[in-house]
Amino acid sequence: MSKVTLKDVAAASGVSYQTVSKVLNKQATVSPETEERIWEAARQLHYRPNVSARNLRTQSSNLIGYAWQRAADESPRPILDQFLYNAVLRFEQAGYHVLTLLTGATEEMDVTIYRELYGRRQVEGFILADTNHDDPRIAYLIEQNIPFASFGRANDAWDFCWVDVDGRHGMRIVVEHLLAQGHRRIGLITWPEGSEAGAHREAGYEDGLAAAGIALNPQWIVRGENTVQTGAEGTTRLLDLPAGERPTAVMCISDFIAIGALNAARAAGLQPGPDIAITGYDDLPMSQFFHPPLTTVHQPIAEVSLQLAELLLQQINNKPIAKKGILLNPRLVVRESSMR
């Protein structure tokens, strides 16, 4: 099978091969329709450029860096897997590849990776996830004016490109659902303090209770790592509270934690749903197959990836950015685990 050339792509898209070359190398200004037609022709024909020659010509590595850590208990991370998969697809459409990097546990090591890779121009920019409040990685990238975009926020005073899902809204609609089911004592199993996403979700929980005129009992909040064990131990602690303070509903900040909560409730002789409501967050594909199926919050992860990739590509290509911060709404998925 002969190799597909620029002239083949040009013939399929109805433009000159010079235009195709400039578009694929991000050096031409054409209409969005023409650009999309060229990229679609390249995809359909499985066109592969000569990367080495292009990199020498453009002085670009055409690589995007993404540093990640394994979970503390080495459990899978399906939400971030879905995020990365969709981001890779969009970057490859634009002629870039994602270089994944395993980071250490210290913030200093994280920053070192970003400094060294960009200093050697081995990457054109970075995508970030797992952000925390005042995240030192983001502070460093802003200070050094290095192109990056983050899945998650870090500090409302910082000016940088990010895409996030409105966890505050997501947890508030869970509270509203539980209130409609007649619950007034609602517990929360959440992450340790410092997580930016966790803080927003906790704020939504507090908003929902406050709007209903329910005073928050500090004993209703249990913290732990994002593990099944945290859900089991946290639910047991909540069920051990005195009868008048014991929650009749347990909100979990993730579906992994909810797995443990469901098991602990059944171990205590309670049927999730009729006896105690249990909810999760993330809508993992497996959540509909839990026993019983889990009420949870669905995040538009594919849309997050697409928007984030566009923000980074605009920076790399020196294009104007209309809006640096993009907040997307999640939606509630009601299943049997919260229905009386």
Protein backbone atom coordinates (compact mmCIF):
# COMPACT_ATOMS: atom_id res chain seq x y z
CA MET A 1 0.00 0.00 0.00
CA SER A 2 1.50 3.34 -1.08
CA LYS A 3 2.06 6.09 1.45
CA VAL A 4 -0.58 8.85 1.60
CA THR A 5 0.88 12.23 0.59
CA LEU A 6 -0.09 15.85 1.03
CA LYS A 7 -1.35 15.84 -2.57
CA ASP A 8 -3.75 12.99 -1.72
CA VAL A 9 -5.15 15.00 1.20
CA ALA A 10 -5.41 18.08 -1.02
CA ALA A 11 -7.36 16.18 -3.67
CA ALA A 12 -9.75 14.75 -1.08
CA SER A 13 -10.37 18.14 0.55
CA GLY A 14 -10.54 20.19 -2.67
CA VAL A 15 -7.69 22.64 -1.92
CA SER A 16 -4.07 23.04 -2.99
CA TYR A 17 -1.41 20.88 -1.38
CA GLN A 18 0.35 24.09 -0.25
CA THR A 19 -2.77 25.02 1.73
CA VAL A 20 -2.93 21.53 3.20
CA SER A 21 0.72 21.74 4.26
CA LYS A 22 0.22 25.11 5.95
CA VAL A 23 -2.96 24.02 7.75
CA LEU A 24 -1.46 20.77 9.02
CA ASN A 25 1.57 22.71 10.23
CA LYS A 26 -0.66 25.39 11.81
CA GLN A 27 0.79 28.13 9.57
CA ALA A 28 -2.29 29.12 7.56
CA THR A 29 -5.39 31.20 8.25
CA VAL A 30 -8.35 29.64 6.48
CA SER A 31 -12.04 29.41 7.24
CA PRO A 32 -13.06 26.98 10.01
CA GLU A 33 -15.00 24.96 7.43
CA THR A 34 -11.95 24.57 5.17
CA GLU A 35 -9.69 23.68 8.10
CA GLU A 36 -12.12 21.03 9.34
CA ARG A 37 -12.43 19.62 5.79
CA ILE A 38 -8.66 19.26 5.54
CA TRP A 39 -8.33 17.60 8.94
CA GLU A 40 -11.21 15.26 8.14
CA ALA A 41 -9.58 14.26 4.84
CA ALA A 42 -6.31 13.61 6.67
CA ARG A 43 -8.10 11.42 9.20
CA GLN A 44 -10.03 9.50 6.56
CA LEU A 45 -6.88 8.82 4.53
CA HIS A 46 -4.82 8.03 7.65
CA TYR A 47 -2.26 10.63 6.63
CA ARG A 48 0.91 10.55 8.75
CA PRO A 49 3.37 13.44 8.40
CA ASN A 50 7.13 13.07 8.55
CA VAL A 51 7.42 14.10 12.19
CA SER A 52 11.21 14.47 12.29
CA ALA A 53 11.28 16.73 9.25
CA ARG A 54 8.38 18.79 10.49
CA ASN A 55 9.92 19.25 13.93
CA LEU A 56 13.18 20.47 12.41
CA ARG A 57 11.28 22.87 10.18
CA THR A 58 8.91 24.26 12.81
CA GLN A 59 11.23 24.00 15.83
CA SER A 60 8.40 22.30 17.66
CA SER A 61 8.34 19.00 19.56
CA ASN A 62 4.61 18.58 18.89
CA LEU A 63 4.31 16.99 22.32
CA ILE A 64 2.00 17.85 25.22
CA GLY A 65 3.12 16.86 28.72
CA TYR A 66 0.80 15.22 31.25
CA ALA A 67 2.19 14.23 34.66
CA TRP A 68 0.20 11.87 36.86
CA GLN A 69 0.42 9.91 40.09
CA ARG A 70 -1.03 6.52 40.96
CA ALA A 71 -3.74 6.48 43.61
CA ALA A 72 -2.49 5.85 47.14
CA ASP A 73 -4.03 2.36 47.15
CA GLU A 74 -3.21 1.75 43.45
CA SER A 75 -6.91 1.62 42.60
CA PRO A 76 -8.00 2.48 39.02
CA ARG A 77 -8.89 6.07 38.13
CA PRO A 78 -11.58 5.77 35.43
CA ILE A 79 -12.55 9.46 35.38
CA LEU A 80 -9.00 10.59 34.66
CA ASP A 81 -8.59 7.75 32.16
CA GLN A 82 -11.66 9.00 30.30
CA PHE A 83 -10.38 12.58 30.49
CA LEU A 84 -6.98 11.65 29.09
CA TYR A 85 -8.41 9.45 26.33
CA ASN A 86 -10.58 12.24 24.94
CA ALA A 87 -7.82 14.83 25.32
CA VAL A 88 -5.40 12.61 23.37
CA LEU A 89 -7.92 12.27 20.53
CA ARG A 90 -8.28 16.04 20.20
CA PHE A 91 -4.56 16.75 20.38
CA GLU A 92 -3.82 14.11 17.74
CA GLN A 93 -6.38 15.72 15.45
CA ALA A 94 -4.31 18.89 15.75
CA GLY A 95 -1.02 17.10 15.10
CA TYR A 96 0.19 16.72 18.68
CA HIS A 97 0.88 13.70 20.86
CA VAL A 98 0.60 13.46 24.64
CA LEU A 99 3.70 12.49 26.62
CA THR A 100 2.67 10.94 29.96
CA LEU A 101 5.00 11.26 32.93
CA LEU A 102 4.93 9.48 36.27
CA THR A 103 5.60 11.96 39.08
CA GLY A 104 6.80 11.44 42.61
CA ALA A 105 4.91 12.24 45.76
CA THR A 106 6.49 15.62 46.48
CA GLU A 107 5.40 18.98 45.14
CA GLU A 108 9.05 19.92 44.51
CA MET A 109 9.55 16.94 42.21
CA ASP A 110 6.37 17.81 40.32
CA VAL A 111 7.63 21.33 39.61
CA THR A 112 11.05 20.01 38.60
CA ILE A 113 9.52 17.85 35.87
CA TYR A 114 7.72 20.84 34.36
CA ARG A 115 10.82 23.03 34.54
CA GLU A 116 13.13 20.49 32.93
CA LEU A 117 10.82 19.35 30.13
CA TYR A 118 9.81 22.83 29.03
CA GLY A 119 13.33 24.21 29.51
CA ARG A 120 14.62 21.64 27.01
CA ARG A 121 11.58 22.29 24.78
CA GLN A 122 10.70 18.63 24.85
CA VAL A 123 7.06 19.67 25.15
CA GLU A 124 5.04 22.65 23.93
CA GLY A 125 2.84 22.84 27.01
CA PHE A 126 1.10 20.85 29.72
CA ILE A 127 -2.29 19.58 30.78
CA LEU A 128 -2.92 19.19 34.50
CA ALA A 129 -5.38 17.31 36.67
CA ASP A 130 -5.73 16.48 40.39
CA THR A 131 -5.41 20.15 41.30
CA ASN A 132 -5.35 21.36 44.90
CA HIS A 133 -5.84 24.76 46.48
CA ASP A 134 -2.83 27.02 45.78
CA ASP A 135 -1.39 24.21 43.65
CA PRO A 136 2.39 24.88 43.39
CA ARG A 137 2.53 23.44 39.85
CA ILE A 138 0.03 26.02 38.63
CA ALA A 139 1.79 28.83 40.49
CA TYR A 140 5.07 27.88 38.80
CA LEU A 141 3.61 27.57 35.29
CA ILE A 142 1.88 30.96 35.62
CA GLU A 143 5.09 32.59 36.88
CA GLN A 144 7.14 31.16 34.03
CA ASN A 145 4.49 31.93 31.40
CA ILE A 146 4.47 28.31 30.23
CA PRO A 147 1.41 27.22 28.19
CA PHE A 148 -0.89 24.93 30.19
CA ALA A 149 -4.53 24.18 30.89
CA SER A 150 -5.91 22.53 33.98
CA PHE A 151 -8.76 20.13 34.68
CA GLY A 152 -9.78 21.83 37.90
CA ARG A 153 -9.28 25.11 39.69
CA ALA A 154 -6.65 26.14 42.24
CA ASN A 155 -7.13 29.73 43.40
CA ASP A 156 -9.83 32.16 42.31
CA ALA A 157 -7.31 35.02 42.29
CA TRP A 158 -5.05 33.33 39.72
CA ASP A 159 -5.46 34.05 36.03
CA PHE A 160 -4.98 30.84 34.02
CA CYS A 161 -6.79 28.47 31.67
CA TRP A 162 -8.93 25.83 33.32
CA VAL A 163 -11.99 23.69 32.72
CA ASP A 164 -13.97 22.23 35.60
CA VAL A 165 -17.26 20.59 36.45
CA ASP A 166 -19.41 22.50 38.93
CA GLY A 167 -19.15 20.17 41.91
CA ARG A 168 -20.94 22.66 44.12
CA HIS A 169 -24.01 22.47 41.89
CA GLY A 170 -23.67 18.70 41.61
CA MET A 171 -23.79 18.09 45.35
CA ARG A 172 -26.52 20.66 45.89
CA ILE A 173 -28.87 18.80 43.54
CA VAL A 174 -28.10 15.56 45.38
CA VAL A 175 -29.19 17.20 48.65
CA GLU A 176 -32.37 18.47 46.99
CA HIS A 177 -33.13 14.95 45.78
CA LEU A 178 -32.63 13.49 49.26
CA LEU A 179 -34.77 16.17 50.84
CA ALA A 180 -37.55 15.30 48.38
CA GLN A 181 -37.25 11.70 49.61
CA GLY A 182 -37.94 12.93 53.14
CA HIS A 183 -34.41 12.90 54.59
CA ARG A 184 -33.34 15.57 57.06
CA ARG A 185 -30.24 14.01 58.59
CA ILE A 186 -27.77 13.71 55.71
CA GLY A 187 -24.17 12.60 56.18
CA LEU A 188 -21.18 13.19 53.92
CA ILE A 189 -18.12 11.01 53.37
CA THR A 190 -15.51 13.21 51.72
CA TRP A 191 -11.80 13.56 50.96
CA PRO A 192 -9.12 15.08 53.21
CA GLU A 193 -9.00 18.87 53.36
CA GLY A 194 -6.95 20.58 50.65
CA SER A 195 -8.62 19.05 47.59
CA GLU A 196 -9.99 21.84 45.41
CA ALA A 197 -12.67 19.60 43.87
CA GLY A 198 -13.55 18.26 47.31
CA ALA A 199 -13.96 21.77 48.72
CA HIS A 200 -16.42 22.74 45.99
CA ARG A 201 -18.46 19.57 46.49
CA GLU A 202 -18.55 20.07 50.24
CA ALA A 203 -19.75 23.65 49.70
CA GLY A 204 -22.65 22.29 47.63
CA TYR A 205 -23.58 19.90 50.42
CA GLU A 206 -23.56 22.76 52.93
CA ASP A 207 -25.55 25.00 50.55
CA GLY A 208 -28.25 22.36 50.20
CA LEU A 209 -28.65 21.89 53.94
CA ALA A 210 -28.66 25.64 54.59
CA ALA A 211 -31.31 26.26 51.92
CA ALA A 212 -33.54 23.72 53.70
CA GLY A 213 -32.93 25.33 57.09
CA ILE A 214 -31.02 22.29 58.40
CA ALA A 215 -28.20 22.96 60.87
CA LEU A 216 -25.04 21.10 59.90
CA ASN A 217 -23.92 18.58 62.51
CA PRO A 218 -20.09 18.29 62.33
CA GLN A 219 -20.42 14.60 63.20
CA TRP A 220 -22.16 14.05 59.87
CA ILE A 221 -18.92 14.71 57.95
CA VAL A 222 -16.31 11.93 57.71
CA ARG A 223 -13.00 12.32 55.83
CA GLY A 224 -10.71 9.80 54.20
CA GLU A 225 -8.84 8.83 51.05
CA ASN A 226 -10.70 7.98 47.86
CA THR A 227 -11.05 4.27 48.64
CA VAL A 228 -13.76 1.68 49.15
CA GLN A 229 -12.47 1.20 52.69
CA THR A 230 -13.10 4.88 53.48
CA GLY A 231 -16.75 4.42 52.45
CA ALA A 232 -17.17 1.32 54.61
CA GLU A 233 -15.49 2.76 57.68
CA GLY A 234 -17.17 6.15 57.28
CA THR A 235 -20.64 4.65 57.00
CA THR A 236 -20.03 2.51 60.07
CA ARG A 237 -19.03 5.63 62.03
CA LEU A 238 -22.17 7.45 60.93
CA LEU A 239 -24.39 4.49 61.84
CA ASP A 240 -22.77 4.35 65.29
CA LEU A 241 -24.06 7.85 66.14
CA PRO A 242 -26.95 8.11 68.63
CA ALA A 243 -30.38 7.40 67.14
CA GLY A 244 -31.44 11.06 67.10
CA GLU A 245 -28.27 12.17 65.28
CA ARG A 246 -27.69 9.18 62.99
CA PRO A 247 -28.01 10.12 59.29
CA THR A 248 -30.75 8.46 57.28
CA ALA A 249 -28.89 9.32 54.07
CA VAL A 250 -25.17 9.20 53.22
CA MET A 251 -23.69 11.25 50.39
CA CYS A 252 -20.34 9.99 49.10
CA ILE A 253 -17.94 12.29 47.27
CA SER A 254 -17.09 9.53 44.77
CA ASP A 255 -18.52 6.27 43.48
CA PHE A 256 -15.54 4.35 44.90
CA ILE A 257 -16.39 5.55 48.39
CA ALA A 258 -20.06 4.72 47.74
CA ILE A 259 -19.16 1.07 47.07
CA GLY A 260 -17.89 0.78 50.64
CA ALA A 261 -20.93 2.65 51.96
CA LEU A 262 -23.32 0.23 50.26
CA ASN A 263 -21.48 -2.78 51.69
CA ALA A 264 -21.37 -1.32 55.22
CA ALA A 265 -25.08 -0.55 55.15
CA ARG A 266 -25.94 -4.09 54.11
CA ALA A 267 -23.56 -5.48 56.75
CA ALA A 268 -25.53 -3.50 59.34
CA GLY A 269 -28.75 -5.14 58.17
CA LEU A 270 -29.99 -2.09 56.25
CA GLN A 271 -31.30 -2.10 52.69
CA PRO A 272 -29.84 0.82 50.69
CA GLY A 273 -32.75 2.84 49.38
CA PRO A 274 -35.68 1.98 51.66
CA ASP A 275 -33.68 1.96 54.94
CA ILE A 276 -30.81 4.34 54.19
CA ALA A 277 -30.15 6.44 51.09
CA ILE A 278 -26.65 6.26 49.63
CA THR A 279 -25.39 8.39 46.74
CA GLY A 280 -22.11 8.66 44.85
CA TYR A 281 -20.42 11.06 42.47
CA ASP A 282 -18.85 10.44 39.01
CA ASP A 283 -21.34 7.97 37.43
CA LEU A 284 -18.72 5.35 36.70
CA PRO A 285 -19.92 2.84 34.08
CA MET A 286 -20.10 0.14 36.77
CA SER A 287 -22.32 2.23 39.09
CA GLN A 288 -25.49 1.10 37.34
CA PHE A 289 -24.56 -2.51 38.18
CA PHE A 290 -24.00 -2.01 41.91
CA HIS A 291 -26.43 -3.69 44.31
CA PRO A 292 -28.64 -1.74 44.30
CA PRO A 293 -27.84 0.53 41.32
CA LEU A 294 -26.24 3.73 42.57
CA THR A 295 -27.70 7.23 42.46
CA THR A 296 -24.81 9.44 41.41
CA VAL A 297 -23.72 12.59 39.59
CA HIS A 298 -22.65 12.39 35.94
CA GLN A 299 -19.77 14.60 34.81
CA PRO A 300 -19.37 15.66 31.14
CA ILE A 301 -15.77 14.47 30.99
CA ALA A 302 -15.55 14.29 27.19
CA GLU A 303 -16.59 17.94 26.99
CA VAL A 304 -14.02 18.85 29.66
CA SER A 305 -11.27 17.24 27.57
CA LEU A 306 -12.33 18.98 24.38
CA GLN A 307 -12.57 22.44 25.95
CA LEU A 308 -9.28 22.02 27.81
CA ALA A 309 -7.42 20.90 24.69
CA GLU A 310 -8.74 23.92 22.78
CA LEU A 311 -7.53 26.29 25.51
CA LEU A 312 -4.03 24.84 25.38
CA LEU A 313 -3.88 24.78 21.59
CA GLN A 314 -4.93 28.44 21.49
CA GLN A 315 -2.03 29.32 23.80
CA ILE A 316 0.52 27.30 21.86
CA ASN A 317 -0.59 28.87 18.57
CA ASN A 318 -0.80 32.40 20.03
CA LYS A 319 -4.50 32.71 19.33
CA PRO A 320 -6.80 34.97 21.38
CA ILE A 321 -8.69 33.29 24.22
CA ALA A 322 -12.18 34.60 24.83
CA LYS A 323 -12.67 32.91 28.21
CA LYS A 324 -9.96 31.29 30.31
CA GLY A 325 -12.20 29.63 32.91
CA ILE A 326 -14.94 27.23 31.77
CA LEU A 327 -17.37 25.73 34.29
CA LEU A 328 -19.62 22.90 33.09
CA ASN A 329 -22.74 21.59 34.82
CA PRO A 330 -23.10 17.94 35.90
CA ARG A 331 -26.43 16.13 36.10
CA LEU A 332 -28.06 13.88 38.67
CA VAL A 333 -28.67 10.23 37.77
CA VAL A 334 -31.30 8.77 40.11
CA ARG A 335 -31.24 5.03 40.76
CA GLU A 336 -32.50 2.66 43.44
CA SER A 337 -29.86 3.33 46.12
CA SER A 338 -31.58 6.58 47.16
CA MET A 339 -35.24 5.74 46.52
CA ARG A 340 -37.52 4.89 49.41
